[in-house]
Amino acid sequence: MFKSGIGNIMQKAQKMQEGIKRVKAELKDIIVTGQAGNGKVKITINGEHIATNIDIDKDILNEKEQLQDLILIAINDANQKIKTQSKDKIKSVTGDIDLPLPF
């Protein structure tokens, strides 16, 4: 009885490990766009937190400080979206076990 219980736990752990490996590969393909200033600044990043595109409304190009602030906000917005999607995907594999990111 004891051995079969450990074997069952080991099987579950192996399935979870395989699921996490699959999710890690899927996370690389996520693409999100963070926005700021009602869409005046948009920054697109992928699941590896690499920026792939930036779009800035020409009306704010001459407002350096505001533009800098909006870029930071848009980057943080995009990163938060990646973090949320990553946690959701991980929980789909681990259930109630909350693993820290990155795993």
C-alpha atoms as a PDB file:
ATOM      1  CA  MET A   1       0.000   0.000   0.000  1.00  0.00           C
ATOM      2  CA  PHE A   2       2.735   2.440   0.961  1.00  0.00           C
ATOM      3  CA  LYS A   3       4.767   1.736  -2.176  1.00  0.00           C
ATOM      4  CA  SER A   4       1.779   2.224  -4.463  1.00  0.00           C
ATOM      5  CA  GLY A   5       1.050   5.555  -2.766  1.00  0.00           C
ATOM      6  CA  ILE A   6       4.580   6.795  -3.419  1.00  0.00           C
ATOM      7  CA  GLY A   7       4.405   5.508  -6.977  1.00  0.00           C
ATOM      8  CA  ASN A   8       1.162   7.406  -7.494  1.00  0.00           C
ATOM      9  CA  ILE A   9       2.701  10.590  -6.115  1.00  0.00           C
ATOM     10  CA  MET A  10       5.730  10.156  -8.354  1.00  0.00           C
ATOM     11  CA  GLN A  11       3.487   9.663 -11.401  1.00  0.00           C
ATOM     12  CA  LYS A  12       1.566  12.830 -10.581  1.00  0.00           C
ATOM     13  CA  ALA A  13       4.793  14.775 -10.080  1.00  0.00           C
ATOM     14  CA  GLN A  14       6.121  13.550 -13.425  1.00  0.00           C
ATOM     15  CA  LYS A  15       2.888  14.556 -15.192  1.00  0.00           C
ATOM     16  CA  MET A  16       3.063  17.980 -13.563  1.00  0.00           C
ATOM     17  CA  GLN A  17       6.690  18.360 -14.629  1.00  0.00           C
ATOM     18  CA  GLU A  18       5.790  17.464 -18.222  1.00  0.00           C
ATOM     19  CA  GLY A  19       2.907  19.936 -18.127  1.00  0.00           C
ATOM     20  CA  ILE A  20       5.164  22.700 -16.832  1.00  0.00           C
ATOM     21  CA  LYS A  21       7.661  21.998 -19.610  1.00  0.00           C
ATOM     22  CA  ARG A  22       4.851  22.265 -22.184  1.00  0.00           C
ATOM     23  CA  VAL A  23       3.551  25.501 -20.654  1.00  0.00           C
ATOM     24  CA  LYS A  24       7.040  27.037 -20.631  1.00  0.00           C
ATOM     25  CA  ALA A  25       7.242  26.445 -24.374  1.00  0.00           C
ATOM     26  CA  GLU A  26       3.765  27.944 -24.868  1.00  0.00           C
ATOM     27  CA  LEU A  27       4.635  31.030 -22.829  1.00  0.00           C
ATOM     28  CA  LYS A  28       7.355  31.980 -25.306  1.00  0.00           C
ATOM     29  CA  ASP A  29       4.633  32.403 -27.956  1.00  0.00           C
ATOM     30  CA  ILE A  30       2.504  34.850 -25.942  1.00  0.00           C
ATOM     31  CA  ILE A  31       2.354  38.344 -27.423  1.00  0.00           C
ATOM     32  CA  VAL A  32       0.769  41.222 -25.513  1.00  0.00           C
ATOM     33  CA  THR A  33       0.502  44.957 -25.986  1.00  0.00           C
ATOM     34  CA  GLY A  34       0.763  47.353 -23.082  1.00  0.00           C
ATOM     35  CA  GLN A  35      -0.798  50.781 -23.446  1.00  0.00           C
ATOM     36  CA  ALA A  36      -0.634  54.167 -21.791  1.00  0.00           C
ATOM     37  CA  GLY A  37      -2.203  57.565 -22.304  1.00  0.00           C
ATOM     38  CA  ASN A  38      -5.403  56.171 -23.820  1.00  0.00           C
ATOM     39  CA  GLY A  39      -3.406  54.323 -26.461  1.00  0.00           C
ATOM     40  CA  LYS A  40      -1.004  57.146 -27.301  1.00  0.00           C
ATOM     41  CA  VAL A  41       1.870  54.782 -26.479  1.00  0.00           C
ATOM     42  CA  LYS A  42       1.665  51.054 -27.217  1.00  0.00           C
ATOM     43  CA  ILE A  43       4.458  48.583 -26.602  1.00  0.00           C
ATOM     44  CA  THR A  44       4.259  44.969 -27.704  1.00  0.00           C
ATOM     45  CA  ILE A  45       6.320  42.299 -25.961  1.00  0.00           C
ATOM     46  CA  ASN A  46       6.537  38.542 -26.222  1.00  0.00           C
ATOM     47  CA  GLY A  47       6.483  35.892 -23.521  1.00  0.00           C
ATOM     48  CA  GLU A  48      10.214  36.248 -23.011  1.00  0.00           C
ATOM     49  CA  HIS A  49       9.712  39.944 -22.141  1.00  0.00           C
ATOM     50  CA  ILE A  50      11.383  41.102 -25.348  1.00  0.00           C
ATOM     51  CA  ALA A  51       9.885  44.224 -26.923  1.00  0.00           C
ATOM     52  CA  THR A  52       8.868  43.571 -30.508  1.00  0.00           C
ATOM     53  CA  ASN A  53       7.068  46.773 -31.429  1.00  0.00           C
ATOM     54  CA  ILE A  54       6.464  50.299 -30.199  1.00  0.00           C
ATOM     55  CA  ASP A  55       3.833  52.714 -31.461  1.00  0.00           C
ATOM     56  CA  ILE A  56       3.843  56.365 -30.370  1.00  0.00           C
ATOM     57  CA  ASP A  57       1.194  58.892 -31.335  1.00  0.00           C
ATOM     58  CA  LYS A  58       2.881  61.769 -33.150  1.00  0.00           C
ATOM     59  CA  ASP A  59       0.961  64.316 -31.044  1.00  0.00           C
ATOM     60  CA  ILE A  60       3.101  63.605 -27.979  1.00  0.00           C
ATOM     61  CA  LEU A  61       6.522  63.394 -29.616  1.00  0.00           C
ATOM     62  CA  ASN A  62       7.427  66.927 -28.517  1.00  0.00           C
ATOM     63  CA  GLU A  63       6.497  66.307 -24.872  1.00  0.00           C
ATOM     64  CA  LYS A  64       9.604  64.487 -23.685  1.00  0.00           C
ATOM     65  CA  GLU A  65       8.749  63.987 -19.997  1.00  0.00           C
ATOM     66  CA  GLN A  66       5.198  62.867 -20.707  1.00  0.00           C
ATOM     67  CA  LEU A  67       6.452  60.506 -23.406  1.00  0.00           C
ATOM     68  CA  GLN A  68       9.014  58.979 -21.051  1.00  0.00           C
ATOM     69  CA  ASP A  69       6.352  58.423 -18.406  1.00  0.00           C
ATOM     70  CA  LEU A  70       3.934  56.873 -20.903  1.00  0.00           C
ATOM     71  CA  ILE A  71       6.609  54.518 -22.246  1.00  0.00           C
ATOM     72  CA  LEU A  72       7.348  53.278 -18.731  1.00  0.00           C
ATOM     73  CA  ILE A  73       3.651  52.795 -18.006  1.00  0.00           C
ATOM     74  CA  ALA A  74       3.120  50.895 -21.267  1.00  0.00           C
ATOM     75  CA  ILE A  75       6.107  48.605 -20.594  1.00  0.00           C
ATOM     76  CA  ASN A  76       4.868  47.863 -17.084  1.00  0.00           C
ATOM     77  CA  ASP A  77       1.345  47.239 -18.397  1.00  0.00           C
ATOM     78  CA  ALA A  78       2.650  44.731 -20.953  1.00  0.00           C
ATOM     79  CA  ASN A  79       4.821  42.970 -18.372  1.00  0.00           C
ATOM     80  CA  GLN A  80       1.885  42.684 -15.979  1.00  0.00           C
ATOM     81  CA  LYS A  81      -0.202  41.096 -18.734  1.00  0.00           C
ATOM     82  CA  ILE A  82       2.538  38.540 -19.415  1.00  0.00           C
ATOM     83  CA  LYS A  83       2.795  37.791 -15.688  1.00  0.00           C
ATOM     84  CA  THR A  84      -0.963  37.271 -15.369  1.00  0.00           C
ATOM     85  CA  GLN A  85      -1.174  35.014 -18.414  1.00  0.00           C
ATOM     86  CA  SER A  86       1.849  33.033 -17.228  1.00  0.00           C
ATOM     87  CA  LYS A  87       0.348  32.438 -13.788  1.00  0.00           C
ATOM     88  CA  ASP A  88      -2.965  31.369 -15.339  1.00  0.00           C
ATOM     89  CA  LYS A  89      -1.238  28.867 -17.629  1.00  0.00           C
ATOM     90  CA  ILE A  90       0.877  27.463 -14.800  1.00  0.00           C
ATOM     91  CA  LYS A  91      -2.161  27.050 -12.548  1.00  0.00           C
ATOM     92  CA  SER A  92      -3.880  25.094 -15.331  1.00  0.00           C
ATOM     93  CA  VAL A  93      -1.105  22.505 -14.858  1.00  0.00           C
ATOM     94  CA  THR A  94      -0.410  22.705 -11.127  1.00  0.00           C
ATOM     95  CA  GLY A  95      -3.920  23.274  -9.838  1.00  0.00           C
ATOM     96  CA  ASP A  96      -3.814  24.980  -6.458  1.00  0.00           C
ATOM     97  CA  ILE A  97      -0.023  24.840  -6.159  1.00  0.00           C
ATOM     98  CA  ASP A  98       1.219  28.387  -6.636  1.00  0.00           C
ATOM     99  CA  LEU A  99       4.710  28.170  -8.129  1.00  0.00           C
ATOM    100  CA  PRO A 100       6.789  31.338  -8.228  1.00  0.00           C
ATOM    101  CA  LEU A 101       7.708  32.729 -11.626  1.00  0.00           C
ATOM    102  CA  PRO A 102      10.054  32.123 -13.303  1.00  0.00           C
ATOM    103  CA  PHE A 103       9.971  28.420 -12.569  1.00  0.00           C
END
